[in-house]
Every structure is written in structure tokens, then in C-alpha cells.
Amino acid sequence: MTTLKPGSILLGTTRPAELRAWYVKTLAPEFTGEGAIDLGGFLLAIDGRDDVEAKNNEPGRTIVNFHVDDFDAVEARLKAAGVEWISVADRPKGRFGTFADPDGNYLQIIEWKKDA
């Protein structure tokens, strides 16, 4: 059996236009067009929903990770975009930076150590 490959994620929100604008500004400033946001071949779809809270009450339950080659450069870009940082930490396997979107969902940038 073939291993399944993730292709997209759907974020439900009470304010889809605002959340979509934040993701484009923060993670894909070159992206244009409608529909799902292409994050390097992985698609992010944002959908307006009335069955979710405005803020995620358990943001650590699911964290979307972005593997980066230059942590400092990406951290600076995200700071310039105004992200809300939760933590930045050096760990045995690499450097991890956790931040939140406007709905409180957690995302991380990770620069893995070469020997990790």
C-alpha cells in the first residue's frame, strides 16, 4: 500500500477574510489569486464556519510546522509581519519558534540540526 502524502489543511474560522489575509501576508506574500493558498505545494484552505469558536481554546493540539534552512532570516521576516510569538527555543534537535495566527492556532518554524 502506498503511504498517503498530505496535500492540504483546512482551517475553520469565524472570520475567513481576515485570517486568509493574515496567512497570505505572513507566509505567502507573493501569492495571488483566490482559493487555497499554496505554501510550497501544500495547500491551506480557509473556510468560514459557525460551528467553531473565534479563538482556538486548545492551540497546542495541532501545530503546523515549517522546516527552514535559515531560522534567523525567517524569524526576522515573521517579526516584521507582526506575528505573536509564543516561544523561541534551542533544543537538542534544532531551533524551534512557535507563533500564533489571529485565531490562536499555533505554527512553528524549525531549523533542524544537521545531525538530528
PDB file of N, CA and C in Angstrom:
ATOM      1  N   MET A   1       0.840  -1.181   0.000  1.00  0.00           N
ATOM      2  CA  MET A   1       0.000   0.000   0.000  1.00  0.00           C
ATOM      3  C   MET A   1       0.888   1.248   0.000  1.00  0.00           C
ATOM      4  N   THR A   2       0.507   2.244  -0.742  1.00  0.00           N
ATOM      5  CA  THR A   2       1.245   3.489  -0.831  1.00  0.00           C
ATOM      6  C   THR A   2       0.988   4.350   0.390  1.00  0.00           C
ATOM      7  N   THR A   3       2.049   4.949   0.926  1.00  0.00           N
ATOM      8  CA  THR A   3       1.907   5.869   2.043  1.00  0.00           C
ATOM      9  C   THR A   3       1.196   7.125   1.571  1.00  0.00           C
ATOM     10  N   LEU A   4       0.229   7.574   2.324  1.00  0.00           N
ATOM     11  CA  LEU A   4      -0.506   8.784   1.974  1.00  0.00           C
ATOM     12  C   LEU A   4       0.369  10.010   2.180  1.00  0.00           C
ATOM     13  N   LYS A   5       0.254  10.962   1.281  1.00  0.00           N
ATOM     14  CA  LYS A   5       1.037  12.194   1.350  1.00  0.00           C
ATOM     15  C   LYS A   5       0.089  13.353   1.629  1.00  0.00           C
ATOM     16  N   PRO A   6       0.319  14.121   2.718  1.00  0.00           N
ATOM     17  CA  PRO A   6      -0.549  15.256   2.993  1.00  0.00           C
ATOM     18  C   PRO A   6      -0.497  16.253   1.846  1.00  0.00           C
ATOM     19  N   GLY A   7      -1.645  16.803   1.495  1.00  0.00           N
ATOM     20  CA  GLY A   7      -1.702  17.753   0.401  1.00  0.00           C
ATOM     21  C   GLY A   7      -2.275  19.100   0.784  1.00  0.00           C
ATOM     22  N   SER A   8      -3.111  19.089   1.846  1.00  0.00           N
ATOM     23  CA  SER A   8      -3.729  20.349   2.244  1.00  0.00           C
ATOM     24  C   SER A   8      -4.242  20.256   3.672  1.00  0.00           C
ATOM     25  N   ILE A   9      -4.562  21.426   4.201  1.00  0.00           N
ATOM     26  CA  ILE A   9      -5.184  21.517   5.516  1.00  0.00           C
ATOM     27  C   ILE A   9      -6.294  22.555   5.402  1.00  0.00           C
ATOM     28  N   LEU A  10      -7.367  22.330   6.128  1.00  0.00           N
ATOM     29  CA  LEU A  10      -8.496  23.252   6.157  1.00  0.00           C
ATOM     30  C   LEU A  10      -8.575  23.877   7.539  1.00  0.00           C
ATOM     31  N   LEU A  11      -8.575  25.205   7.583  1.00  0.00           N
ATOM     32  CA  LEU A  11      -8.777  25.915   8.839  1.00  0.00           C
ATOM     33  C   LEU A  11     -10.179  26.499   8.843  1.00  0.00           C
ATOM     34  N   GLY A  12     -10.967  26.119   9.832  1.00  0.00           N
ATOM     35  CA  GLY A  12     -12.288  26.705  10.010  1.00  0.00           C
ATOM     36  C   GLY A  12     -12.163  27.924  10.913  1.00  0.00           C
ATOM     37  N   THR A  13     -12.889  28.983  10.576  1.00  0.00           N
ATOM     38  CA  THR A  13     -12.780  30.231  11.325  1.00  0.00           C
ATOM     39  C   THR A  13     -14.082  31.011  11.262  1.00  0.00           C
ATOM     40  N   THR A  14     -14.270  31.893  12.213  1.00  0.00           N
ATOM     41  CA  THR A  14     -15.435  32.780  12.198  1.00  0.00           C
ATOM     42  C   THR A  14     -15.179  34.023  11.357  1.00  0.00           C
ATOM     43  N   ARG A  15     -13.939  34.229  10.938  1.00  0.00           N
ATOM     44  CA  ARG A  15     -13.570  35.413  10.148  1.00  0.00           C
ATOM     45  C   ARG A  15     -12.602  35.029   9.022  1.00  0.00           C
ATOM     46  N   PRO A  16     -13.129  34.393   7.986  1.00  0.00           N
ATOM     47  CA  PRO A  16     -12.268  33.849   6.934  1.00  0.00           C
ATOM     48  C   PRO A  16     -11.471  34.893   6.155  1.00  0.00           C
ATOM     49  N   ALA A  17     -12.042  36.029   5.840  1.00  0.00           N
ATOM     50  CA  ALA A  17     -11.308  37.032   5.058  1.00  0.00           C
ATOM     51  C   ALA A  17     -10.104  37.551   5.837  1.00  0.00           C
ATOM     52  N   GLU A  18     -10.285  37.839   7.121  1.00  0.00           N
ATOM     53  CA  GLU A  18      -9.188  38.345   7.953  1.00  0.00           C
ATOM     54  C   GLU A  18      -8.091  37.300   8.121  1.00  0.00           C
ATOM     55  N   LEU A  19      -8.488  36.057   8.383  1.00  0.00           N
ATOM     56  CA  LEU A  19      -7.492  35.003   8.590  1.00  0.00           C
ATOM     57  C   LEU A  19      -6.733  34.719   7.291  1.00  0.00           C
ATOM     58  N   ARG A  20      -7.429  34.691   6.181  1.00  0.00           N
ATOM     59  CA  ARG A  20      -6.780  34.457   4.886  1.00  0.00           C
ATOM     60  C   ARG A  20      -5.777  35.567   4.588  1.00  0.00           C
ATOM     61  N   ALA A  21      -6.160  36.807   4.832  1.00  0.00           N
ATOM     62  CA  ALA A  21      -5.249  37.936   4.597  1.00  0.00           C
ATOM     63  C   ALA A  21      -4.005  37.810   5.477  1.00  0.00           C
ATOM     64  N   TRP A  22      -4.180  37.390   6.727  1.00  0.00           N
ATOM     65  CA  TRP A  22      -3.033  37.220   7.625  1.00  0.00           C
ATOM     66  C   TRP A  22      -2.083  36.152   7.091  1.00  0.00           C
ATOM     67  N   TYR A  23      -2.626  35.008   6.650  1.00  0.00           N
ATOM     68  CA  TYR A  23      -1.773  33.930   6.144  1.00  0.00           C
ATOM     69  C   TYR A  23      -1.038  34.337   4.877  1.00  0.00           C
ATOM     70  N   VAL A  24      -1.706  35.042   3.977  1.00  0.00           N
ATOM     71  CA  VAL A  24      -1.024  35.489   2.761  1.00  0.00           C
ATOM     72  C   VAL A  24       0.086  36.463   3.134  1.00  0.00           C
ATOM     73  N   LYS A  25      -0.217  37.450   3.969  1.00  0.00           N
ATOM     74  CA  LYS A  25       0.786  38.447   4.367  1.00  0.00           C
ATOM     75  C   LYS A  25       1.972  37.793   5.078  1.00  0.00           C
ATOM     76  N   THR A  26       1.685  36.866   5.971  1.00  0.00           N
ATOM     77  CA  THR A  26       2.701  36.292   6.835  1.00  0.00           C
ATOM     78  C   THR A  26       3.501  35.169   6.185  1.00  0.00           C
ATOM     79  N   LEU A  27       2.831  34.263   5.495  1.00  0.00           N
ATOM     80  CA  LEU A  27       3.503  33.066   4.999  1.00  0.00           C
ATOM     81  C   LEU A  27       3.693  33.016   3.485  1.00  0.00           C
ATOM     82  N   ALA A  28       2.891  33.764   2.738  1.00  0.00           N
ATOM     83  CA  ALA A  28       2.963  33.651   1.275  1.00  0.00           C
ATOM     84  C   ALA A  28       2.732  35.008   0.615  1.00  0.00           C
ATOM     85  N   PRO A  29       3.591  35.999   0.908  1.00  0.00           N
ATOM     86  CA  PRO A  29       3.342  37.347   0.392  1.00  0.00           C
ATOM     87  C   PRO A  29       3.329  37.451  -1.132  1.00  0.00           C
ATOM     88  N   GLU A  30       3.918  36.492  -1.827  1.00  0.00           N
ATOM     89  CA  GLU A  30       3.911  36.525  -3.290  1.00  0.00           C
ATOM     90  C   GLU A  30       2.660  35.884  -3.876  1.00  0.00           C
ATOM     91  N   PHE A  31       1.861  35.230  -3.037  1.00  0.00           N
ATOM     92  CA  PHE A  31       0.683  34.513  -3.533  1.00  0.00           C
ATOM     93  C   PHE A  31      -0.377  35.489  -4.019  1.00  0.00           C
ATOM     94  N   THR A  32      -0.946  35.177  -5.145  1.00  0.00           N
ATOM     95  CA  THR A  32      -2.072  35.948  -5.676  1.00  0.00           C
ATOM     96  C   THR A  32      -3.164  34.971  -6.058  1.00  0.00           C
ATOM     97  N   GLY A  33      -4.342  35.466  -6.159  1.00  0.00           N
ATOM     98  CA  GLY A  33      -5.443  34.615  -6.586  1.00  0.00           C
ATOM     99  C   GLY A  33      -6.382  34.265  -5.449  1.00  0.00           C
ATOM    100  N   GLU A  34      -7.361  33.503  -5.810  1.00  0.00           N
ATOM    101  CA  GLU A  34      -8.391  33.080  -4.858  1.00  0.00           C
ATOM    102  C   GLU A  34      -8.178  31.613  -4.486  1.00  0.00           C
ATOM    103  N   GLY A  35      -8.995  31.139  -3.609  1.00  0.00           N
ATOM    104  CA  GLY A  35      -8.944  29.729  -3.235  1.00  0.00           C
ATOM    105  C   GLY A  35      -7.835  29.435  -2.253  1.00  0.00           C
ATOM    106  N   ALA A  36      -7.457  28.169  -2.231  1.00  0.00           N
ATOM    107  CA  ALA A  36      -6.442  27.705  -1.288  1.00  0.00           C
ATOM    108  C   ALA A  36      -5.110  28.408  -1.544  1.00  0.00           C
ATOM    109  N   ILE A  37      -4.399  28.685  -0.454  1.00  0.00           N
ATOM    110  CA  ILE A  37      -3.098  29.345  -0.514  1.00  0.00           C
ATOM    111  C   ILE A  37      -2.035  28.261  -0.678  1.00  0.00           C
ATOM    112  N   ASP A  38      -1.201  28.400  -1.706  1.00  0.00           N
ATOM    113  CA  ASP A  38      -0.149  27.423  -1.965  1.00  0.00           C
ATOM    114  C   ASP A  38       1.069  27.760  -1.114  1.00  0.00           C
ATOM    115  N   LEU A  39       1.392  26.860  -0.199  1.00  0.00           N
ATOM    116  CA  LEU A  39       2.562  27.009   0.669  1.00  0.00           C
ATOM    117  C   LEU A  39       3.610  25.993   0.229  1.00  0.00           C
ATOM    118  N   GLY A  40       4.185  26.229  -0.928  1.00  0.00           N
ATOM    119  CA  GLY A  40       5.224  25.336  -1.433  1.00  0.00           C
ATOM    120  C   GLY A  40       4.719  23.958  -1.809  1.00  0.00           C
ATOM    121  N   GLY A  41       3.542  23.871  -2.378  1.00  0.00           N
ATOM    122  CA  GLY A  41       2.977  22.586  -2.776  1.00  0.00           C
ATOM    123  C   GLY A  41       2.001  22.011  -1.764  1.00  0.00           C
ATOM    124  N   PHE A  42       1.950  22.563  -0.585  1.00  0.00           N
ATOM    125  CA  PHE A  42       0.982  22.170   0.444  1.00  0.00           C
ATOM    126  C   PHE A  42      -0.064  23.279   0.479  1.00  0.00           C
ATOM    127  N   LEU A  43      -1.332  22.923   0.339  1.00  0.00           N
ATOM    128  CA  LEU A  43      -2.382  23.923   0.221  1.00  0.00           C
ATOM    129  C   LEU A  43      -3.052  24.202   1.562  1.00  0.00           C
ATOM    130  N   LEU A  44      -3.305  25.489   1.808  1.00  0.00           N
ATOM    131  CA  LEU A  44      -4.017  25.936   3.001  1.00  0.00           C
ATOM    132  C   LEU A  44      -5.348  26.512   2.560  1.00  0.00           C
ATOM    133  N   ALA A  45      -6.428  25.848   2.960  1.00  0.00           N
ATOM    134  CA  ALA A  45      -7.776  26.323   2.662  1.00  0.00           C
ATOM    135  C   ALA A  45      -8.361  26.910   3.942  1.00  0.00           C
ATOM    136  N   ILE A  46      -9.038  28.025   3.817  1.00  0.00           N
ATOM    137  CA  ILE A  46      -9.655  28.688   4.969  1.00  0.00           C
ATOM    138  C   ILE A  46     -11.142  28.809   4.686  1.00  0.00           C
ATOM    139  N   ASP A  47     -11.940  28.353   5.647  1.00  0.00           N
ATOM    140  CA  ASP A  47     -13.381  28.288   5.443  1.00  0.00           C
ATOM    141  C   ASP A  47     -14.112  28.970   6.594  1.00  0.00           C
ATOM    142  N   GLY A  48     -15.088  29.791   6.270  1.00  0.00           N
ATOM    143  CA  GLY A  48     -15.937  30.396   7.296  1.00  0.00           C
ATOM    144  C   GLY A  48     -16.861  29.353   7.890  1.00  0.00           C
ATOM    145  N   ARG A  49     -16.870  29.280   9.210  1.00  0.00           N
ATOM    146  CA  ARG A  49     -17.675  28.258   9.898  1.00  0.00           C
ATOM    147  C   ARG A  49     -18.407  28.896  11.070  1.00  0.00           C
ATOM    148  N   ASP A  50     -19.611  28.391  11.347  1.00  0.00           N
ATOM    149  CA  ASP A  50     -20.346  28.874  12.516  1.00  0.00           C
ATOM    150  C   ASP A  50     -20.356  27.839  13.639  1.00  0.00           C
ATOM    151  N   ASP A  51     -19.590  26.750  13.464  1.00  0.00           N
ATOM    152  CA  ASP A  51     -19.532  25.705  14.495  1.00  0.00           C
ATOM    153  C   ASP A  51     -18.195  25.690  15.231  1.00  0.00           C
ATOM    154  N   VAL A  52     -17.423  26.788  15.122  1.00  0.00           N
ATOM    155  CA  VAL A  52     -16.161  26.904  15.837  1.00  0.00           C
ATOM    156  C   VAL A  52     -16.158  28.209  16.629  1.00  0.00           C
ATOM    157  N   GLU A  53     -15.340  28.240  17.672  1.00  0.00           N
ATOM    158  CA  GLU A  53     -15.179  29.453  18.462  1.00  0.00           C
ATOM    159  C   GLU A  53     -14.268  30.434  17.724  1.00  0.00           C
ATOM    160  N   ALA A  54     -14.338  31.695  18.104  1.00  0.00           N
ATOM    161  CA  ALA A  54     -13.487  32.718  17.485  1.00  0.00           C
ATOM    162  C   ALA A  54     -12.014  32.472  17.789  1.00  0.00           C
ATOM    163  N   LYS A  55     -11.707  31.954  18.972  1.00  0.00           N
ATOM    164  CA  LYS A  55     -10.331  31.628  19.362  1.00  0.00           C
ATOM    165  C   LYS A  55     -10.220  30.135  19.641  1.00  0.00           C
ATOM    166  N   ASN A  56      -9.098  29.563  19.241  1.00  0.00           N
ATOM    167  CA  ASN A  56      -8.822  28.154  19.484  1.00  0.00           C
ATOM    168  C   ASN A  56      -8.478  27.979  20.965  1.00  0.00           C
ATOM    169  N   ASN A  57      -9.268  27.205  21.683  1.00  0.00           N
ATOM    170  CA  ASN A  57      -9.055  27.002  23.117  1.00  0.00           C
ATOM    171  C   ASN A  57      -7.989  25.949  23.418  1.00  0.00           C
ATOM    172  N   GLU A  58      -7.560  25.184  22.428  1.00  0.00           N
ATOM    173  CA  GLU A  58      -6.530  24.164  22.611  1.00  0.00           C
ATOM    174  C   GLU A  58      -5.511  24.264  21.475  1.00  0.00           C
ATOM    175  N   PRO A  59      -4.779  25.372  21.403  1.00  0.00           N
ATOM    176  CA  PRO A  59      -3.906  25.597  20.255  1.00  0.00           C
ATOM    177  C   PRO A  59      -2.736  24.634  20.133  1.00  0.00           C
ATOM    178  N   GLY A  60      -2.366  23.963  21.195  1.00  0.00           N
ATOM    179  CA  GLY A  60      -1.262  23.020  21.131  1.00  0.00           C
ATOM    180  C   GLY A  60      -1.659  21.654  20.613  1.00  0.00           C
ATOM    181  N   ARG A  61      -2.941  21.441  20.387  1.00  0.00           N
ATOM    182  CA  ARG A  61      -3.419  20.130  19.918  1.00  0.00           C
ATOM    183  C   ARG A  61      -2.875  19.789  18.530  1.00  0.00           C
ATOM    184  N   THR A  62      -2.875  20.743  17.631  1.00  0.00           N
ATOM    185  CA  THR A  62      -2.336  20.564  16.285  1.00  0.00           C
ATOM    186  C   THR A  62      -1.461  21.757  15.961  1.00  0.00           C
ATOM    187  N   ILE A  63      -0.222  21.501  15.587  1.00  0.00           N
ATOM    188  CA  ILE A  63       0.706  22.577  15.242  1.00  0.00           C
ATOM    189  C   ILE A  63       1.250  22.303  13.846  1.00  0.00           C
ATOM    190  N   VAL A  64       1.126  23.290  12.969  1.00  0.00           N
ATOM    191  CA  VAL A  64       1.673  23.167  11.625  1.00  0.00           C
ATOM    192  C   VAL A  64       3.130  23.616  11.676  1.00  0.00           C
ATOM    193  N   ASN A  65       4.037  22.740  11.227  1.00  0.00           N
ATOM    194  CA  ASN A  65       5.469  23.011  11.268  1.00  0.00           C
ATOM    195  C   ASN A  65       5.999  23.358   9.883  1.00  0.00           C
ATOM    196  N   PHE A  66       6.876  24.356   9.849  1.00  0.00           N
ATOM    197  CA  PHE A  66       7.563  24.749   8.631  1.00  0.00           C
ATOM    198  C   PHE A  66       9.053  24.540   8.856  1.00  0.00           C
ATOM    199  N   HIS A  67       9.663  23.680   8.067  1.00  0.00           N
ATOM    200  CA  HIS A  67      11.100  23.416   8.182  1.00  0.00           C
ATOM    201  C   HIS A  67      11.830  24.476   7.388  1.00  0.00           C
ATOM    202  N   VAL A  68      12.802  25.130   8.016  1.00  0.00           N
ATOM    203  CA  VAL A  68      13.519  26.237   7.384  1.00  0.00           C
ATOM    204  C   VAL A  68      15.030  25.978   7.434  1.00  0.00           C
ATOM    205  N   ASP A  69      15.740  26.571   6.480  1.00  0.00           N
ATOM    206  CA  ASP A  69      17.192  26.451   6.430  1.00  0.00           C
ATOM    207  C   ASP A  69      17.891  27.587   7.156  1.00  0.00           C
ATOM    208  N   ASP A  70      17.213  28.728   7.290  1.00  0.00           N
ATOM    209  CA  ASP A  70      17.808  29.907   7.933  1.00  0.00           C
ATOM    210  C   ASP A  70      16.806  30.473   8.944  1.00  0.00           C
ATOM    211  N   PHE A  71      16.865  29.949  10.156  1.00  0.00           N
ATOM    212  CA  PHE A  71      15.915  30.325  11.204  1.00  0.00           C
ATOM    213  C   PHE A  71      15.891  31.832  11.410  1.00  0.00           C
ATOM    214  N   ASP A  72      17.069  32.436  11.542  1.00  0.00           N
ATOM    215  CA  ASP A  72      17.142  33.867  11.848  1.00  0.00           C
ATOM    216  C   ASP A  72      16.468  34.714  10.781  1.00  0.00           C
ATOM    217  N   ALA A  73      16.657  34.372   9.513  1.00  0.00           N
ATOM    218  CA  ALA A  73      16.050  35.143   8.433  1.00  0.00           C
ATOM    219  C   ALA A  73      14.524  35.002   8.446  1.00  0.00           C
ATOM    220  N   VAL A  74      14.033  33.787   8.654  1.00  0.00           N
ATOM    221  CA  VAL A  74      12.586  33.576   8.683  1.00  0.00           C
ATOM    222  C   VAL A  74      11.983  34.220   9.925  1.00  0.00           C
ATOM    223  N   GLU A  75      12.664  34.107  11.050  1.00  0.00           N
ATOM    224  CA  GLU A  75      12.189  34.752  12.276  1.00  0.00           C
ATOM    225  C   GLU A  75      12.071  36.263  12.069  1.00  0.00           C
ATOM    226  N   ALA A  76      13.055  36.875  11.443  1.00  0.00           N
ATOM    227  CA  ALA A  76      13.022  38.317  11.190  1.00  0.00           C
ATOM    228  C   ALA A  76      11.861  38.684  10.264  1.00  0.00           C
ATOM    229  N   ARG A  77      11.650  37.882   9.229  1.00  0.00           N
ATOM    230  CA  ARG A  77      10.529  38.144   8.304  1.00  0.00           C
ATOM    231  C   ARG A  77       9.189  38.051   9.020  1.00  0.00           C
ATOM    232  N   LEU A  78       9.047  37.035   9.870  1.00  0.00           N
ATOM    233  CA  LEU A  78       7.792  36.869  10.607  1.00  0.00           C
ATOM    234  C   LEU A  78       7.591  37.986  11.634  1.00  0.00           C
ATOM    235  N   LYS A  79       8.670  38.401  12.295  1.00  0.00           N
ATOM    236  CA  LYS A  79       8.571  39.536  13.225  1.00  0.00           C
ATOM    237  C   LYS A  79       8.117  40.781  12.487  1.00  0.00           C
ATOM    238  N   ALA A  80       8.674  41.023  11.302  1.00  0.00           N
ATOM    239  CA  ALA A  80       8.286  42.189  10.503  1.00  0.00           C
ATOM    240  C   ALA A  80       6.814  42.121  10.100  1.00  0.00           C
ATOM    241  N   ALA A  81       6.287  40.907   9.937  1.00  0.00           N
ATOM    242  CA  ALA A  81       4.869  40.734   9.601  1.00  0.00           C
ATOM    243  C   ALA A  81       3.976  40.868  10.831  1.00  0.00           C
ATOM    244  N   GLY A  82       4.591  40.936  12.036  1.00  0.00           N
ATOM    245  CA  GLY A  82       3.828  41.157  13.261  1.00  0.00           C
ATOM    246  C   GLY A  82       3.271  39.921  13.931  1.00  0.00           C
ATOM    247  N   VAL A  83       3.920  38.759  13.735  1.00  0.00           N
ATOM    248  CA  VAL A  83       3.389  37.548  14.364  1.00  0.00           C
ATOM    249  C   VAL A  83       3.458  37.640  15.890  1.00  0.00           C
ATOM    250  N   GLU A  84       2.565  36.924  16.540  1.00  0.00           N
ATOM    251  CA  GLU A  84       2.543  36.815  18.004  1.00  0.00           C
ATOM    252  C   GLU A  84       3.368  35.588  18.387  1.00  0.00           C
ATOM    253  N   TRP A  85       4.579  35.820  18.923  1.00  0.00           N
ATOM    254  CA  TRP A  85       5.472  34.722  19.282  1.00  0.00           C
ATOM    255  C   TRP A  85       5.061  34.113  20.613  1.00  0.00           C
ATOM    256  N   ILE A  86       5.036  32.800  20.650  1.00  0.00           N
ATOM    257  CA  ILE A  86       4.757  32.053  21.875  1.00  0.00           C
ATOM    258  C   ILE A  86       6.091  31.700  22.539  1.00  0.00           C
ATOM    259  N   SER A  87       7.029  31.179  21.739  1.00  0.00           N
ATOM    260  CA  SER A  87       8.345  30.844  22.270  1.00  0.00           C
ATOM    261  C   SER A  87       9.339  30.665  21.125  1.00  0.00           C
ATOM    262  N   VAL A  88      10.603  30.872  21.449  1.00  0.00           N
ATOM    263  CA  VAL A  88      11.725  30.554  20.564  1.00  0.00           C
ATOM    264  C   VAL A  88      12.722  29.833  21.454  1.00  0.00           C
ATOM    265  N   ALA A  89      13.122  28.623  21.035  1.00  0.00           N
ATOM    266  CA  ALA A  89      13.993  27.828  21.901  1.00  0.00           C
ATOM    267  C   ALA A  89      14.952  26.971  21.098  1.00  0.00           C
ATOM    268  N   ASP A  90      16.180  26.885  21.614  1.00  0.00           N
ATOM    269  CA  ASP A  90      17.155  25.940  21.090  1.00  0.00           C
ATOM    270  C   ASP A  90      16.944  24.633  21.834  1.00  0.00           C
ATOM    271  N   ARG A  91      16.777  23.566  21.081  1.00  0.00           N
ATOM    272  CA  ARG A  91      16.555  22.242  21.653  1.00  0.00           C
ATOM    273  C   ARG A  91      17.611  21.295  21.099  1.00  0.00           C
ATOM    274  N   PRO A  92      17.745  20.115  21.689  1.00  0.00           N
ATOM    275  CA  PRO A  92      18.764  19.183  21.210  1.00  0.00           C
ATOM    276  C   PRO A  92      18.671  18.871  19.709  1.00  0.00           C
ATOM    277  N   LYS A  93      17.480  18.865  19.151  1.00  0.00           N
ATOM    278  CA  LYS A  93      17.311  18.505  17.736  1.00  0.00           C
ATOM    279  C   LYS A  93      17.304  19.707  16.806  1.00  0.00           C
ATOM    280  N   GLY A  94      17.257  20.925  17.360  1.00  0.00           N
ATOM    281  CA  GLY A  94      17.238  22.101  16.495  1.00  0.00           C
ATOM    282  C   GLY A  94      16.668  23.322  17.181  1.00  0.00           C
ATOM    283  N   ARG A  95      16.378  24.331  16.380  1.00  0.00           N
ATOM    284  CA  ARG A  95      15.826  25.588  16.895  1.00  0.00           C
ATOM    285  C   ARG A  95      14.358  25.662  16.502  1.00  0.00           C
ATOM    286  N   PHE A  96      13.504  25.955  17.487  1.00  0.00           N
ATOM    287  CA  PHE A  96      12.065  25.952  17.299  1.00  0.00           C
ATOM    288  C   PHE A  96      11.497  27.316  17.652  1.00  0.00           C
ATOM    289  N   GLY A  97      10.642  27.835  16.800  1.00  0.00           N
ATOM    290  CA  GLY A  97       9.936  29.078  17.072  1.00  0.00           C
ATOM    291  C   GLY A  97       8.454  28.844  16.904  1.00  0.00           C
ATOM    292  N   THR A  98       7.695  29.076  17.964  1.00  0.00           N
ATOM    293  CA  THR A  98       6.250  28.861  17.935  1.00  0.00           C
ATOM    294  C   THR A  98       5.550  30.210  17.942  1.00  0.00           C
ATOM    295  N   PHE A  99       4.578  30.374  17.052  1.00  0.00           N
ATOM    296  CA  PHE A  99       3.805  31.605  16.965  1.00  0.00           C
ATOM    297  C   PHE A  99       2.349  31.270  16.708  1.00  0.00           C
ATOM    298  N   ALA A 100       1.492  32.279  16.806  1.00  0.00           N
ATOM    299  CA  ALA A 100       0.051  32.053  16.688  1.00  0.00           C
ATOM    300  C   ALA A 100      -0.544  32.915  15.587  1.00  0.00           C
ATOM    301  N   ASP A 101      -1.567  32.376  14.946  1.00  0.00           N
ATOM    302  CA  ASP A 101      -2.322  33.164  13.984  1.00  0.00           C
ATOM    303  C   ASP A 101      -3.401  33.955  14.740  1.00  0.00           C
ATOM    304  N   PRO A 102      -4.163  34.804  14.089  1.00  0.00           N
ATOM    305  CA  PRO A 102      -5.167  35.618  14.792  1.00  0.00           C
ATOM    306  C   PRO A 102      -6.247  34.809  15.523  1.00  0.00           C
ATOM    307  N   ASP A 103      -6.481  33.566  15.116  1.00  0.00           N
ATOM    308  CA  ASP A 103      -7.451  32.714  15.804  1.00  0.00           C
ATOM    309  C   ASP A 103      -6.821  31.947  16.961  1.00  0.00           C
ATOM    310  N   GLY A 104      -5.510  32.096  17.158  1.00  0.00           N
ATOM    311  CA  GLY A 104      -4.832  31.411  18.249  1.00  0.00           C
ATOM    312  C   GLY A 104      -4.261  30.059  17.874  1.00  0.00           C
ATOM    313  N   ASN A 105      -4.341  29.653  16.603  1.00  0.00           N
ATOM    314  CA  ASN A 105      -3.746  28.389  16.162  1.00  0.00           C
ATOM    315  C   ASN A 105      -2.231  28.522  16.175  1.00  0.00           C
ATOM    316  N   TYR A 106      -1.545  27.475  16.639  1.00  0.00           N
ATOM    317  CA  TYR A 106      -0.091  27.507  16.707  1.00  0.00           C
ATOM    318  C   TYR A 106       0.536  27.017  15.407  1.00  0.00           C
ATOM    319  N   LEU A 107       1.652  27.661  15.062  1.00  0.00           N
ATOM    320  CA  LEU A 107       2.504  27.267  13.949  1.00  0.00           C
ATOM    321  C   LEU A 107       3.930  27.308  14.458  1.00  0.00           C
ATOM    322  N   GLN A 108       4.825  26.571  13.800  1.00  0.00           N
ATOM    323  CA  GLN A 108       6.224  26.573  14.211  1.00  0.00           C
ATOM    324  C   GLN A 108       7.132  26.662  13.001  1.00  0.00           C
ATOM    325  N   ILE A 109       8.254  27.340  13.200  1.00  0.00           N
ATOM    326  CA  ILE A 109       9.362  27.215  12.279  1.00  0.00           C
ATOM    327  C   ILE A 109      10.417  26.391  12.997  1.00  0.00           C
ATOM    328  N   ILE A 110      11.050  25.503  12.244  1.00  0.00           N
ATOM    329  CA  ILE A 110      12.046  24.614  12.824  1.00  0.00           C
ATOM    330  C   ILE A 110      13.252  24.560  11.898  1.00  0.00           C
ATOM    331  N   GLU A 111      14.424  24.828  12.460  1.00  0.00           N
ATOM    332  CA  GLU A 111      15.671  24.583  11.750  1.00  0.00           C
ATOM    333  C   GLU A 111      16.322  23.396  12.441  1.00  0.00           C
ATOM    334  N   TRP A 112      16.251  22.242  11.788  1.00  0.00           N
ATOM    335  CA  TRP A 112      16.802  21.017  12.359  1.00  0.00           C
ATOM    336  C   TRP A 112      18.322  21.065  12.348  1.00  0.00           C
ATOM    337  N   LYS A 113      18.928  20.542  13.389  1.00  0.00           N
ATOM    338  CA  LYS A 113      20.386  20.396  13.389  1.00  0.00           C
ATOM    339  C   LYS A 113      20.764  19.356  12.352  1.00  0.00           C
ATOM    340  N   LYS A 114      21.927  19.502  11.773  1.00  0.00           N
ATOM    341  CA  LYS A 114      22.382  18.616  10.702  1.00  0.00           C
ATOM    342  C   LYS A 114      22.411  17.154  11.144  1.00  0.00           C
ATOM    343  N   ASP A 115      22.699  16.886  12.409  1.00  0.00           N
ATOM    344  CA  ASP A 115      22.796  15.515  12.904  1.00  0.00           C
ATOM    345  C   ASP A 115      21.521  15.026  13.587  1.00  0.00           C
ATOM    346  N   ALA A 116      20.431  15.793  13.467  1.00  0.00           N
ATOM    347  CA  ALA A 116      19.186  15.420  14.153  1.00  0.00           C
ATOM    348  C   ALA A 116      18.470  14.295  13.435  1.00  0.00           C
TER     349      ALA A 116
END
